[in-house]
């Protein structure tokens, strides 16, 4: 639950530019990420700016200014990112994208198929295998499964094995029968519904919470 910081060092050509940049940069508000101005100043980017950026993991914003030669060489050596800008909205756009890159992606469940348990088999070495018919979509070996009984989701499990007849299968399509063994769940019963899904990551924006 800790807030992720985006550390910045801001160098500009005039006090007025610096004030305008600070005003725009500090407008970004989000409960999970924030801008932290480590240092700001008027003038070109010097070696001490680069050393501070290296120590703090900061991006150097150079607005209407450039880096001294020795500072540029040190930045390459230390892996410090110096970004030059001439327009304020380009600065804010870059910072917005950087903040969004710090946000943890949203995890979304995407249903891929459903299977009905027709009968169960218990094998002592492995556990319970559900003999199923795929009612809709596709069941993939890499999917996770919701176990649904009496319209209630009992829990979710990964697939330990997926077989078509006696052979291992990567996927089984609608209308086909298959054997499914769930990892860590042996209480599957005839009539249970197994809902397959995959988890996808979706990038978030500052506008979405």
N, C-alpha and C. Protein backbone atom coordinates (compact mmCIF):
# COMPACT_ATOMS: atom_id res chain seq x y z
N UNK A 1 0.80 -1.22 0.00
CA UNK A 1 0.00 0.00 0.00
C UNK A 1 0.83 1.26 0.00
N UNK A 2 2.17 1.14 -0.08
CA UNK A 2 3.02 2.32 -0.07
C UNK A 2 2.87 3.11 -1.37
N UNK A 3 3.00 4.43 -1.26
CA UNK A 3 2.92 5.30 -2.44
C UNK A 3 4.24 5.21 -3.19
N UNK A 4 4.15 5.07 -4.51
CA UNK A 4 5.35 5.03 -5.36
C UNK A 4 5.74 6.44 -5.74
N UNK A 5 6.99 6.79 -5.51
CA UNK A 5 7.49 8.12 -5.87
C UNK A 5 8.11 8.11 -7.26
N UNK A 6 7.92 9.23 -7.97
CA UNK A 6 8.66 9.50 -9.20
C UNK A 6 9.60 10.67 -8.87
N UNK A 7 10.88 10.39 -8.55
CA UNK A 7 11.79 11.47 -8.18
C UNK A 7 12.27 12.25 -9.41
N UNK A 8 12.29 13.57 -9.29
CA UNK A 8 12.70 14.44 -10.40
C UNK A 8 13.73 15.45 -9.92
N UNK A 9 14.66 15.80 -10.82
CA UNK A 9 15.51 16.96 -10.65
C UNK A 9 15.15 17.90 -11.78
N UNK A 10 14.78 19.13 -11.44
CA UNK A 10 14.27 20.07 -12.44
C UNK A 10 15.25 21.23 -12.58
N UNK A 11 15.77 21.41 -13.80
CA UNK A 11 16.64 22.55 -14.10
C UNK A 11 15.98 23.35 -15.23
N UNK A 12 15.99 24.68 -15.08
CA UNK A 12 15.33 25.54 -16.07
C UNK A 12 16.18 26.78 -16.33
N UNK A 13 15.77 27.54 -17.36
CA UNK A 13 16.56 28.70 -17.78
C UNK A 13 16.32 29.93 -16.91
N UNK A 14 15.12 30.05 -16.32
CA UNK A 14 14.80 31.24 -15.52
C UNK A 14 13.98 30.84 -14.29
N UNK A 15 13.97 31.71 -13.26
CA UNK A 15 13.11 31.43 -12.11
C UNK A 15 11.64 31.32 -12.50
N UNK A 16 11.22 32.11 -13.49
CA UNK A 16 9.83 32.06 -13.95
C UNK A 16 9.48 30.71 -14.55
N UNK A 17 10.39 30.17 -15.37
CA UNK A 17 10.18 28.84 -15.97
C UNK A 17 10.11 27.78 -14.88
N UNK A 18 10.99 27.91 -13.90
CA UNK A 18 11.04 26.93 -12.80
C UNK A 18 9.72 26.94 -12.02
N UNK A 19 9.22 28.16 -11.76
CA UNK A 19 7.95 28.29 -11.02
C UNK A 19 6.79 27.68 -11.82
N UNK A 20 6.78 27.95 -13.14
CA UNK A 20 5.72 27.41 -13.99
C UNK A 20 5.76 25.89 -14.04
N UNK A 21 6.97 25.34 -14.14
CA UNK A 21 7.12 23.89 -14.16
C UNK A 21 6.67 23.27 -12.84
N UNK A 22 7.10 23.87 -11.73
CA UNK A 22 6.72 23.34 -10.43
C UNK A 22 5.20 23.34 -10.26
N UNK A 23 4.58 24.42 -10.71
CA UNK A 23 3.13 24.55 -10.61
C UNK A 23 2.41 23.44 -11.37
N UNK A 24 2.89 23.13 -12.58
CA UNK A 24 2.26 22.10 -13.41
C UNK A 24 2.57 20.69 -12.89
N UNK A 25 3.81 20.48 -12.50
CA UNK A 25 4.24 19.14 -12.06
C UNK A 25 3.50 18.71 -10.80
N UNK A 26 3.28 19.65 -9.88
CA UNK A 26 2.66 19.29 -8.60
C UNK A 26 1.14 19.14 -8.69
N UNK A 27 0.57 19.34 -9.88
CA UNK A 27 -0.88 19.17 -10.03
C UNK A 27 -1.29 17.70 -10.07
N UNK A 28 -0.34 16.82 -10.37
CA UNK A 28 -0.68 15.40 -10.48
C UNK A 28 -0.99 14.83 -9.09
N UNK A 29 -2.18 14.28 -8.95
CA UNK A 29 -2.59 13.68 -7.69
C UNK A 29 -3.14 12.29 -7.92
N UNK A 30 -2.65 11.33 -7.17
CA UNK A 30 -3.15 9.95 -7.26
C UNK A 30 -2.78 9.25 -5.95
N UNK A 31 -3.66 8.38 -5.45
CA UNK A 31 -3.37 7.74 -4.16
C UNK A 31 -2.19 6.76 -4.18
N UNK A 32 -1.76 6.33 -5.37
CA UNK A 32 -0.71 5.31 -5.44
C UNK A 32 0.64 5.83 -5.93
N UNK A 33 0.63 6.94 -6.66
CA UNK A 33 1.89 7.48 -7.20
C UNK A 33 1.94 8.99 -7.01
N UNK A 34 3.16 9.52 -6.91
CA UNK A 34 3.30 10.96 -6.75
C UNK A 34 4.66 11.41 -7.27
N UNK A 35 4.73 12.69 -7.63
CA UNK A 35 5.98 13.31 -8.05
C UNK A 35 6.71 13.82 -6.81
N UNK A 36 8.01 13.57 -6.76
CA UNK A 36 8.83 14.12 -5.67
C UNK A 36 9.99 14.88 -6.30
N UNK A 37 9.99 16.20 -6.13
CA UNK A 37 11.08 17.02 -6.67
C UNK A 37 12.25 16.96 -5.67
N UNK A 38 13.29 16.26 -6.09
CA UNK A 38 14.47 16.07 -5.23
C UNK A 38 15.30 17.35 -5.16
N UNK A 39 15.38 18.04 -6.30
CA UNK A 39 16.20 19.26 -6.38
C UNK A 39 15.72 20.07 -7.58
N UNK A 40 15.78 21.38 -7.46
CA UNK A 40 15.47 22.25 -8.59
C UNK A 40 16.42 23.42 -8.59
N UNK A 41 16.62 24.00 -9.77
CA UNK A 41 17.53 25.12 -9.85
C UNK A 41 17.55 25.75 -11.23
N UNK A 42 18.09 26.95 -11.29
CA UNK A 42 18.24 27.66 -12.57
C UNK A 42 19.63 27.40 -13.12
N UNK A 43 19.70 27.10 -14.42
CA UNK A 43 21.00 26.86 -15.06
C UNK A 43 21.09 25.47 -15.66
N UNK A 44 22.22 25.21 -16.32
CA UNK A 44 22.41 23.92 -16.98
C UNK A 44 22.58 22.78 -15.99
N UNK A 45 22.48 21.58 -16.52
CA UNK A 45 22.63 20.37 -15.69
C UNK A 45 24.11 20.14 -15.44
N UNK A 46 24.49 20.09 -14.15
CA UNK A 46 25.90 19.92 -13.82
C UNK A 46 26.16 18.53 -13.20
N UNK A 47 27.44 18.30 -12.85
CA UNK A 47 27.81 16.98 -12.32
C UNK A 47 27.12 16.65 -11.01
N UNK A 48 26.93 17.65 -10.16
CA UNK A 48 26.27 17.38 -8.87
C UNK A 48 24.80 16.99 -9.08
N UNK A 49 24.16 17.59 -10.10
CA UNK A 49 22.79 17.20 -10.43
C UNK A 49 22.74 15.73 -10.82
N UNK A 50 23.70 15.33 -11.66
CA UNK A 50 23.74 13.95 -12.14
C UNK A 50 24.04 12.99 -10.99
N UNK A 51 24.97 13.36 -10.12
CA UNK A 51 25.31 12.51 -8.97
C UNK A 51 24.09 12.33 -8.06
N UNK A 52 23.35 13.42 -7.84
CA UNK A 52 22.15 13.36 -7.01
C UNK A 52 21.07 12.49 -7.68
N UNK A 53 20.94 12.64 -9.00
CA UNK A 53 19.97 11.83 -9.74
C UNK A 53 20.33 10.35 -9.66
N UNK A 54 21.61 10.05 -9.75
CA UNK A 54 22.06 8.66 -9.66
C UNK A 54 21.75 8.08 -8.28
N UNK A 55 21.98 8.87 -7.24
CA UNK A 55 21.77 8.40 -5.87
C UNK A 55 20.29 8.22 -5.54
N UNK A 56 19.44 9.07 -6.14
CA UNK A 56 18.02 9.07 -5.79
C UNK A 56 17.14 8.37 -6.82
N UNK A 57 17.75 7.95 -7.93
CA UNK A 57 16.97 7.31 -8.99
C UNK A 57 16.09 8.30 -9.74
N UNK A 58 16.49 9.57 -9.77
CA UNK A 58 15.65 10.62 -10.35
C UNK A 58 15.89 10.77 -11.86
N UNK A 59 14.83 11.25 -12.52
CA UNK A 59 14.94 11.71 -13.91
C UNK A 59 15.30 13.19 -13.87
N UNK A 60 16.20 13.62 -14.73
CA UNK A 60 16.58 15.04 -14.79
C UNK A 60 15.77 15.71 -15.90
N UNK A 61 15.00 16.72 -15.54
CA UNK A 61 14.23 17.52 -16.50
C UNK A 61 15.05 18.77 -16.81
N UNK A 62 15.45 18.93 -18.06
CA UNK A 62 16.24 20.09 -18.48
C UNK A 62 15.36 20.95 -19.40
N UNK A 63 14.86 22.09 -18.86
CA UNK A 63 13.91 22.93 -19.60
C UNK A 63 14.64 24.16 -20.14
N UNK A 64 14.78 24.20 -21.45
CA UNK A 64 15.49 25.29 -22.13
C UNK A 64 16.96 25.39 -21.71
N UNK A 65 17.50 24.32 -21.15
CA UNK A 65 18.91 24.28 -20.78
C UNK A 65 19.50 22.96 -21.25
N UNK A 66 20.84 22.87 -21.23
CA UNK A 66 21.51 21.64 -21.63
C UNK A 66 22.45 21.20 -20.50
N UNK A 67 22.97 20.02 -20.64
CA UNK A 67 23.91 19.50 -19.64
C UNK A 67 25.33 19.90 -20.01
N UNK A 68 26.13 20.19 -18.99
CA UNK A 68 27.56 20.40 -19.22
C UNK A 68 28.16 19.11 -19.76
N UNK A 69 29.28 19.24 -20.49
CA UNK A 69 29.91 18.06 -21.12
C UNK A 69 30.25 16.99 -20.09
N UNK A 70 30.83 17.41 -18.98
CA UNK A 70 31.24 16.43 -17.97
C UNK A 70 30.01 15.79 -17.32
N UNK A 71 28.95 16.57 -17.20
CA UNK A 71 27.71 16.04 -16.64
C UNK A 71 27.10 15.01 -17.58
N UNK A 72 27.16 15.30 -18.88
CA UNK A 72 26.64 14.35 -19.87
C UNK A 72 27.41 13.04 -19.84
N UNK A 73 28.72 13.15 -19.74
CA UNK A 73 29.56 11.95 -19.68
C UNK A 73 29.26 11.14 -18.42
N UNK A 74 29.07 11.84 -17.29
CA UNK A 74 28.76 11.16 -16.03
C UNK A 74 27.38 10.50 -16.11
N UNK A 75 26.44 11.17 -16.77
CA UNK A 75 25.08 10.61 -16.90
C UNK A 75 25.11 9.29 -17.66
N UNK A 76 25.91 9.23 -18.71
CA UNK A 76 26.05 7.98 -19.48
C UNK A 76 26.66 6.90 -18.60
N UNK A 77 27.67 7.29 -17.86
CA UNK A 77 28.38 6.35 -16.99
C UNK A 77 27.46 5.81 -15.88
N UNK A 78 26.62 6.69 -15.32
CA UNK A 78 25.77 6.34 -14.18
C UNK A 78 24.38 5.85 -14.60
N UNK A 79 24.09 5.93 -15.90
CA UNK A 79 22.77 5.51 -16.37
C UNK A 79 21.66 6.48 -15.97
N UNK A 80 22.00 7.76 -15.88
CA UNK A 80 21.02 8.78 -15.50
C UNK A 80 20.31 9.31 -16.76
N UNK A 81 18.99 9.43 -16.65
CA UNK A 81 18.16 9.88 -17.77
C UNK A 81 18.00 11.40 -17.71
N UNK A 82 18.63 12.11 -18.66
CA UNK A 82 18.45 13.56 -18.78
C UNK A 82 17.53 13.83 -19.96
N UNK A 83 16.42 14.48 -19.70
CA UNK A 83 15.46 14.75 -20.78
C UNK A 83 15.33 16.26 -20.99
N UNK A 84 15.54 16.67 -22.25
CA UNK A 84 15.47 18.09 -22.60
C UNK A 84 14.11 18.44 -23.16
N UNK A 85 13.59 19.59 -22.73
CA UNK A 85 12.28 20.05 -23.20
C UNK A 85 12.30 21.54 -23.47
N UNK A 86 11.40 21.95 -24.40
CA UNK A 86 11.24 23.36 -24.70
C UNK A 86 9.81 23.84 -24.45
N UNK A 87 8.88 22.90 -24.27
CA UNK A 87 7.46 23.24 -24.10
C UNK A 87 6.96 22.57 -22.83
N UNK A 88 6.26 23.32 -22.00
CA UNK A 88 5.84 22.80 -20.69
C UNK A 88 4.91 21.59 -20.83
N UNK A 89 3.98 21.63 -21.79
CA UNK A 89 3.03 20.50 -21.87
C UNK A 89 3.76 19.20 -22.23
N UNK A 90 4.92 19.31 -22.92
CA UNK A 90 5.69 18.09 -23.21
C UNK A 90 6.29 17.53 -21.92
N UNK A 91 6.67 18.41 -21.01
CA UNK A 91 7.18 17.97 -19.71
C UNK A 91 6.07 17.24 -18.95
N UNK A 92 4.91 17.87 -18.85
CA UNK A 92 3.81 17.28 -18.08
C UNK A 92 3.32 15.98 -18.71
N UNK A 93 3.33 15.91 -20.04
CA UNK A 93 2.91 14.69 -20.72
C UNK A 93 3.87 13.55 -20.41
N UNK A 94 5.17 13.84 -20.41
CA UNK A 94 6.18 12.83 -20.09
C UNK A 94 6.05 12.36 -18.65
N UNK A 95 5.84 13.29 -17.73
CA UNK A 95 5.70 12.94 -16.32
C UNK A 95 4.44 12.11 -16.11
N UNK A 96 3.37 12.48 -16.78
CA UNK A 96 2.11 11.71 -16.67
C UNK A 96 2.32 10.27 -17.10
N UNK A 97 3.00 10.08 -18.24
CA UNK A 97 3.25 8.72 -18.73
C UNK A 97 4.16 7.95 -17.77
N UNK A 98 5.14 8.66 -17.20
CA UNK A 98 6.05 8.00 -16.24
C UNK A 98 5.32 7.57 -14.98
N UNK A 99 4.41 8.42 -14.50
CA UNK A 99 3.61 8.08 -13.32
C UNK A 99 2.71 6.89 -13.61
N UNK A 100 2.10 6.89 -14.79
CA UNK A 100 1.22 5.77 -15.17
C UNK A 100 2.00 4.46 -15.28
N UNK A 101 3.27 4.59 -15.67
CA UNK A 101 4.11 3.40 -15.75
C UNK A 101 4.41 2.79 -14.38
N UNK A 102 4.29 3.60 -13.33
CA UNK A 102 4.51 3.11 -11.97
C UNK A 102 3.28 2.42 -11.39
N UNK A 103 2.11 2.70 -11.98
CA UNK A 103 0.88 2.11 -11.45
C UNK A 103 0.86 0.60 -11.70
N UNK A 104 0.45 -0.15 -10.69
CA UNK A 104 0.31 -1.59 -10.87
C UNK A 104 -0.81 -1.85 -11.86
N UNK A 105 -0.59 -2.75 -12.82
CA UNK A 105 -1.65 -3.01 -13.81
C UNK A 105 -2.88 -3.64 -13.15
N UNK A 106 -4.02 -3.40 -13.77
CA UNK A 106 -5.26 -3.99 -13.29
C UNK A 106 -5.35 -5.43 -13.81
N UNK A 107 -5.72 -6.35 -12.94
CA UNK A 107 -5.88 -7.75 -13.33
C UNK A 107 -7.35 -8.00 -13.70
N UNK A 108 -7.56 -8.52 -14.90
CA UNK A 108 -8.92 -8.75 -15.39
C UNK A 108 -9.10 -10.22 -15.72
N UNK A 109 -10.20 -10.79 -15.25
CA UNK A 109 -10.54 -12.18 -15.60
C UNK A 109 -11.31 -12.19 -16.92
N UNK A 110 -10.84 -13.01 -17.84
CA UNK A 110 -11.53 -13.17 -19.13
C UNK A 110 -11.99 -14.62 -19.25
N UNK A 111 -13.32 -14.84 -19.21
CA UNK A 111 -13.86 -16.19 -19.31
C UNK A 111 -13.61 -16.75 -20.71
N UNK A 112 -13.18 -18.01 -20.78
CA UNK A 112 -12.89 -18.62 -22.09
C UNK A 112 -13.81 -19.79 -22.41
N UNK A 113 -14.37 -20.44 -21.38
CA UNK A 113 -15.23 -21.58 -21.67
C UNK A 113 -15.83 -22.16 -20.40
N UNK A 114 -16.85 -23.04 -20.61
CA UNK A 114 -17.50 -23.70 -19.47
C UNK A 114 -17.61 -25.19 -19.75
N UNK A 115 -17.45 -25.99 -18.70
CA UNK A 115 -17.57 -27.44 -18.84
C UNK A 115 -18.45 -27.97 -17.71
N UNK A 116 -19.27 -28.97 -18.03
CA UNK A 116 -20.13 -29.62 -17.04
C UNK A 116 -19.51 -30.95 -16.62
N UNK A 117 -19.46 -31.19 -15.30
CA UNK A 117 -18.93 -32.45 -14.80
C UNK A 117 -20.02 -33.53 -14.94
N UNK A 118 -19.74 -34.54 -15.77
CA UNK A 118 -20.69 -35.63 -16.02
C UNK A 118 -20.50 -36.76 -15.02
N UNK A 119 -19.24 -37.04 -14.67
CA UNK A 119 -18.93 -38.09 -13.69
C UNK A 119 -17.54 -37.84 -13.14
N UNK A 120 -17.22 -38.49 -12.03
CA UNK A 120 -15.90 -38.31 -11.42
C UNK A 120 -15.22 -39.66 -11.22
N UNK A 121 -13.90 -39.64 -11.26
CA UNK A 121 -13.10 -40.85 -11.06
C UNK A 121 -12.02 -40.53 -10.04
N UNK A 122 -11.84 -41.40 -9.09
CA UNK A 122 -10.78 -41.18 -8.09
C UNK A 122 -9.62 -42.13 -8.37
N UNK A 123 -8.45 -41.56 -8.58
CA UNK A 123 -7.24 -42.34 -8.81
C UNK A 123 -6.30 -42.05 -7.65
N UNK A 124 -5.93 -43.11 -6.93
CA UNK A 124 -5.21 -42.94 -5.66
C UNK A 124 -3.94 -42.10 -5.79
N UNK A 125 -3.21 -42.28 -6.88
CA UNK A 125 -1.93 -41.55 -7.01
C UNK A 125 -2.13 -40.07 -7.33
N UNK A 126 -3.26 -39.74 -7.97
CA UNK A 126 -3.46 -38.37 -8.48
C UNK A 126 -4.59 -37.61 -7.79
N UNK A 127 -5.67 -38.29 -7.43
CA UNK A 127 -6.82 -37.59 -6.87
C UNK A 127 -8.03 -37.76 -7.77
N UNK A 128 -8.94 -36.80 -7.71
CA UNK A 128 -10.20 -36.89 -8.44
C UNK A 128 -10.08 -36.27 -9.82
N UNK A 129 -10.52 -37.03 -10.81
CA UNK A 129 -10.56 -36.54 -12.19
C UNK A 129 -12.03 -36.35 -12.57
N UNK A 130 -12.33 -35.18 -13.11
CA UNK A 130 -13.70 -34.87 -13.53
C UNK A 130 -13.86 -35.17 -15.01
N UNK A 131 -14.78 -36.08 -15.31
CA UNK A 131 -15.13 -36.33 -16.71
C UNK A 131 -16.14 -35.30 -17.15
N UNK A 132 -15.78 -34.46 -18.11
CA UNK A 132 -16.59 -33.28 -18.44
C UNK A 132 -16.97 -33.23 -19.93
N UNK A 133 -17.99 -32.45 -20.19
CA UNK A 133 -18.30 -32.04 -21.56
C UNK A 133 -18.20 -30.52 -21.62
N UNK A 134 -17.49 -30.02 -22.63
CA UNK A 134 -17.34 -28.57 -22.79
C UNK A 134 -18.64 -28.02 -23.37
N UNK A 135 -19.31 -27.17 -22.60
CA UNK A 135 -20.60 -26.61 -23.01
C UNK A 135 -20.44 -25.42 -23.95
N UNK A 136 -19.39 -24.64 -23.72
CA UNK A 136 -19.19 -23.46 -24.56
C UNK A 136 -17.73 -23.04 -24.53
N UNK A 137 -17.30 -22.37 -25.59
CA UNK A 137 -15.95 -21.83 -25.65
C UNK A 137 -14.87 -22.90 -25.71
N UNK A 138 -13.73 -22.59 -25.11
CA UNK A 138 -12.55 -23.46 -25.13
C UNK A 138 -11.99 -23.56 -23.72
N UNK A 139 -11.63 -24.77 -23.32
CA UNK A 139 -10.88 -24.97 -22.08
C UNK A 139 -9.42 -25.17 -22.45
N UNK A 140 -8.55 -24.31 -21.94
CA UNK A 140 -7.12 -24.40 -22.24
C UNK A 140 -6.36 -24.89 -21.00
N UNK A 141 -5.31 -25.62 -21.24
CA UNK A 141 -4.50 -26.19 -20.14
C UNK A 141 -3.97 -25.10 -19.22
N UNK A 142 -3.72 -23.93 -19.76
CA UNK A 142 -3.14 -22.83 -18.98
C UNK A 142 -4.19 -22.04 -18.19
N UNK A 143 -5.48 -22.34 -18.41
CA UNK A 143 -6.54 -21.61 -17.72
C UNK A 143 -6.56 -21.90 -16.22
N UNK A 144 -7.24 -21.03 -15.50
CA UNK A 144 -7.68 -21.34 -14.14
C UNK A 144 -9.16 -21.67 -14.22
N UNK A 145 -9.69 -22.29 -13.15
CA UNK A 145 -11.08 -22.75 -13.15
C UNK A 145 -11.83 -22.26 -11.91
N UNK A 146 -13.00 -21.68 -12.14
CA UNK A 146 -13.96 -21.46 -11.05
C UNK A 146 -14.78 -22.74 -10.92
N UNK A 147 -14.89 -23.27 -9.71
CA UNK A 147 -15.78 -24.40 -9.47
C UNK A 147 -17.12 -23.84 -8.99
N UNK A 148 -18.19 -24.10 -9.77
CA UNK A 148 -19.51 -23.54 -9.47
C UNK A 148 -20.45 -24.69 -9.13
N UNK A 149 -21.06 -24.60 -7.94
CA UNK A 149 -22.01 -25.62 -7.49
C UNK A 149 -23.27 -24.92 -6.99
N UNK A 150 -24.41 -25.27 -7.53
CA UNK A 150 -25.68 -24.62 -7.14
C UNK A 150 -25.59 -23.11 -7.30
N UNK A 151 -25.05 -22.67 -8.44
CA UNK A 151 -24.91 -21.24 -8.78
C UNK A 151 -23.97 -20.47 -7.83
N UNK A 152 -23.21 -21.21 -7.03
CA UNK A 152 -22.27 -20.56 -6.10
C UNK A 152 -20.84 -20.92 -6.47
N UNK A 153 -19.97 -19.91 -6.57
CA UNK A 153 -18.55 -20.15 -6.86
C UNK A 153 -17.88 -20.63 -5.58
N UNK A 154 -17.42 -21.88 -5.57
CA UNK A 154 -16.76 -22.44 -4.38
C UNK A 154 -15.35 -21.89 -4.22
N UNK A 155 -14.59 -21.89 -5.31
CA UNK A 155 -13.21 -21.40 -5.27
C UNK A 155 -12.64 -21.47 -6.68
N UNK A 156 -11.40 -21.08 -6.82
CA UNK A 156 -10.72 -21.12 -8.11
C UNK A 156 -9.44 -21.92 -8.00
N UNK A 157 -9.13 -22.68 -9.05
CA UNK A 157 -7.96 -23.56 -9.03
C UNK A 157 -7.29 -23.56 -10.40
N UNK A 158 -6.01 -23.87 -10.40
CA UNK A 158 -5.33 -24.09 -11.67
C UNK A 158 -5.60 -25.52 -12.13
N UNK A 159 -5.39 -25.77 -13.41
CA UNK A 159 -5.63 -27.10 -13.97
C UNK A 159 -4.35 -27.92 -13.84
N UNK A 160 -4.45 -29.05 -13.14
CA UNK A 160 -3.29 -29.93 -12.97
C UNK A 160 -3.09 -30.80 -14.21
N UNK A 161 -4.20 -31.24 -14.82
CA UNK A 161 -4.08 -31.99 -16.07
C UNK A 161 -5.37 -31.84 -16.88
N UNK A 162 -5.21 -31.86 -18.18
CA UNK A 162 -6.33 -31.78 -19.12
C UNK A 162 -6.11 -32.86 -20.16
N UNK A 163 -7.07 -33.80 -20.24
CA UNK A 163 -6.89 -34.92 -21.17
C UNK A 163 -8.09 -35.04 -22.10
N UNK A 164 -7.78 -35.37 -23.34
CA UNK A 164 -8.80 -35.68 -24.35
C UNK A 164 -8.64 -37.16 -24.65
N UNK A 165 -9.66 -37.96 -24.28
CA UNK A 165 -9.53 -39.41 -24.25
C UNK A 165 -8.37 -39.72 -23.28
N UNK A 166 -7.30 -40.34 -23.69
CA UNK A 166 -6.21 -40.63 -22.73
C UNK A 166 -4.98 -39.76 -22.94
N UNK A 167 -5.08 -38.86 -23.90
CA UNK A 167 -3.91 -38.05 -24.24
C UNK A 167 -3.98 -36.66 -23.58
N UNK A 168 -2.81 -36.16 -23.21
CA UNK A 168 -2.75 -34.78 -22.72
C UNK A 168 -3.18 -33.83 -23.83
N UNK A 169 -3.92 -32.79 -23.44
CA UNK A 169 -4.42 -31.83 -24.44
C UNK A 169 -4.06 -30.41 -24.01
N UNK A 170 -3.74 -29.56 -25.00
CA UNK A 170 -3.50 -28.15 -24.72
C UNK A 170 -4.82 -27.40 -24.59
N UNK A 171 -5.83 -27.87 -25.33
CA UNK A 171 -7.14 -27.24 -25.28
C UNK A 171 -8.21 -28.23 -25.70
N UNK A 172 -9.42 -27.99 -25.22
CA UNK A 172 -10.57 -28.82 -25.62
C UNK A 172 -11.71 -27.86 -25.96
N UNK A 173 -12.34 -28.09 -27.12
CA UNK A 173 -13.33 -27.15 -27.62
C UNK A 173 -14.76 -27.57 -27.30
N UNK A 174 -15.65 -26.64 -27.55
CA UNK A 174 -17.09 -26.83 -27.30
C UNK A 174 -17.60 -28.12 -27.93
N UNK A 175 -18.38 -28.87 -27.14
CA UNK A 175 -18.98 -30.11 -27.62
C UNK A 175 -18.14 -31.35 -27.35
N UNK A 176 -16.87 -31.16 -27.04
CA UNK A 176 -15.98 -32.30 -26.80
C UNK A 176 -16.03 -32.71 -25.33
N UNK A 177 -15.64 -33.97 -25.08
CA UNK A 177 -15.52 -34.45 -23.70
C UNK A 177 -14.05 -34.54 -23.33
N UNK A 178 -13.79 -34.40 -22.03
CA UNK A 178 -12.40 -34.38 -21.58
C UNK A 178 -12.33 -34.76 -20.10
N UNK A 179 -11.13 -35.02 -19.65
CA UNK A 179 -10.88 -35.27 -18.24
C UNK A 179 -10.09 -34.11 -17.66
N UNK A 180 -10.58 -33.57 -16.56
CA UNK A 180 -9.92 -32.41 -15.93
C UNK A 180 -9.58 -32.75 -14.48
N UNK A 181 -8.33 -32.53 -14.12
CA UNK A 181 -7.94 -32.65 -12.71
C UNK A 181 -7.50 -31.28 -12.23
N UNK A 182 -8.11 -30.85 -11.13
CA UNK A 182 -7.80 -29.53 -10.58
C UNK A 182 -6.70 -29.64 -9.53
N UNK A 183 -5.83 -28.66 -9.51
CA UNK A 183 -4.71 -28.67 -8.58
C UNK A 183 -5.20 -28.31 -7.17
N UNK A 184 -5.11 -29.27 -6.24
CA UNK A 184 -5.46 -29.00 -4.85
C UNK A 184 -6.93 -29.09 -4.53
N UNK A 185 -7.75 -29.66 -5.44
CA UNK A 185 -9.19 -29.80 -5.16
C UNK A 185 -9.66 -31.17 -5.65
N UNK A 186 -10.08 -32.01 -4.69
CA UNK A 186 -10.52 -33.36 -5.03
C UNK A 186 -12.00 -33.61 -4.73
N UNK A 187 -12.70 -32.55 -4.34
CA UNK A 187 -14.10 -32.69 -3.95
C UNK A 187 -15.04 -32.33 -5.09
N UNK A 188 -14.56 -32.37 -6.31
CA UNK A 188 -15.43 -32.07 -7.46
C UNK A 188 -16.53 -33.12 -7.55
N UNK A 189 -17.75 -32.68 -7.90
CA UNK A 189 -18.89 -33.60 -7.93
C UNK A 189 -19.63 -33.53 -9.26
N UNK A 190 -20.33 -34.60 -9.56
CA UNK A 190 -21.16 -34.65 -10.76
C UNK A 190 -22.16 -33.49 -10.71
N UNK A 191 -22.30 -32.79 -11.82
CA UNK A 191 -23.20 -31.65 -11.88
C UNK A 191 -22.52 -30.31 -11.63
N UNK A 192 -21.27 -30.35 -11.13
CA UNK A 192 -20.53 -29.09 -10.96
C UNK A 192 -20.28 -28.44 -12.31
N UNK A 193 -20.24 -27.12 -12.30
CA UNK A 193 -19.89 -26.38 -13.51
C UNK A 193 -18.48 -25.84 -13.33
N UNK A 194 -17.62 -26.08 -14.33
CA UNK A 194 -16.25 -25.57 -14.28
C UNK A 194 -16.13 -24.44 -15.31
N UNK A 195 -15.83 -23.26 -14.81
CA UNK A 195 -15.73 -22.09 -15.68
C UNK A 195 -14.26 -21.71 -15.85
N UNK A 196 -13.78 -21.83 -17.07
CA UNK A 196 -12.37 -21.53 -17.36
C UNK A 196 -12.18 -20.04 -17.61
N UNK A 197 -11.04 -19.53 -17.15
CA UNK A 197 -10.73 -18.13 -17.40
C UNK A 197 -9.22 -17.93 -17.42
N UNK A 198 -8.82 -16.84 -18.03
CA UNK A 198 -7.41 -16.42 -17.97
C UNK A 198 -7.36 -15.03 -17.35
N UNK A 199 -6.23 -14.69 -16.79
CA UNK A 199 -6.06 -13.38 -16.16
C UNK A 199 -5.18 -12.52 -17.06
N UNK A 200 -5.73 -11.37 -17.45
CA UNK A 200 -4.99 -10.44 -18.30
C UNK A 200 -4.64 -9.18 -17.51
N UNK A 201 -3.54 -8.55 -17.88
CA UNK A 201 -3.12 -7.30 -17.25
C UNK A 201 -3.52 -6.13 -18.15
N UNK A 202 -4.11 -5.12 -17.54
CA UNK A 202 -4.51 -3.93 -18.29
C UNK A 202 -3.82 -2.72 -17.69
N UNK A 203 -3.15 -1.95 -18.54
CA UNK A 203 -2.48 -0.74 -18.06
C UNK A 203 -3.51 0.25 -17.55
N UNK A 204 -3.13 0.93 -16.47
CA UNK A 204 -4.03 1.91 -15.89
C UNK A 204 -3.55 3.33 -16.20
N UNK A 205 -4.47 4.27 -16.10
CA UNK A 205 -4.14 5.68 -16.30
C UNK A 205 -4.35 6.42 -14.98
N UNK A 206 -3.87 7.65 -14.92
CA UNK A 206 -4.07 8.44 -13.71
C UNK A 206 -5.55 8.76 -13.51
N UNK A 207 -6.31 8.77 -14.60
CA UNK A 207 -7.73 9.09 -14.50
C UNK A 207 -8.52 7.93 -13.92
N UNK A 208 -8.02 6.68 -14.12
CA UNK A 208 -8.72 5.51 -13.57
C UNK A 208 -8.14 5.18 -12.22
N UNK A 209 -8.98 4.90 -11.26
CA UNK A 209 -8.50 4.59 -9.91
C UNK A 209 -8.37 3.10 -9.72
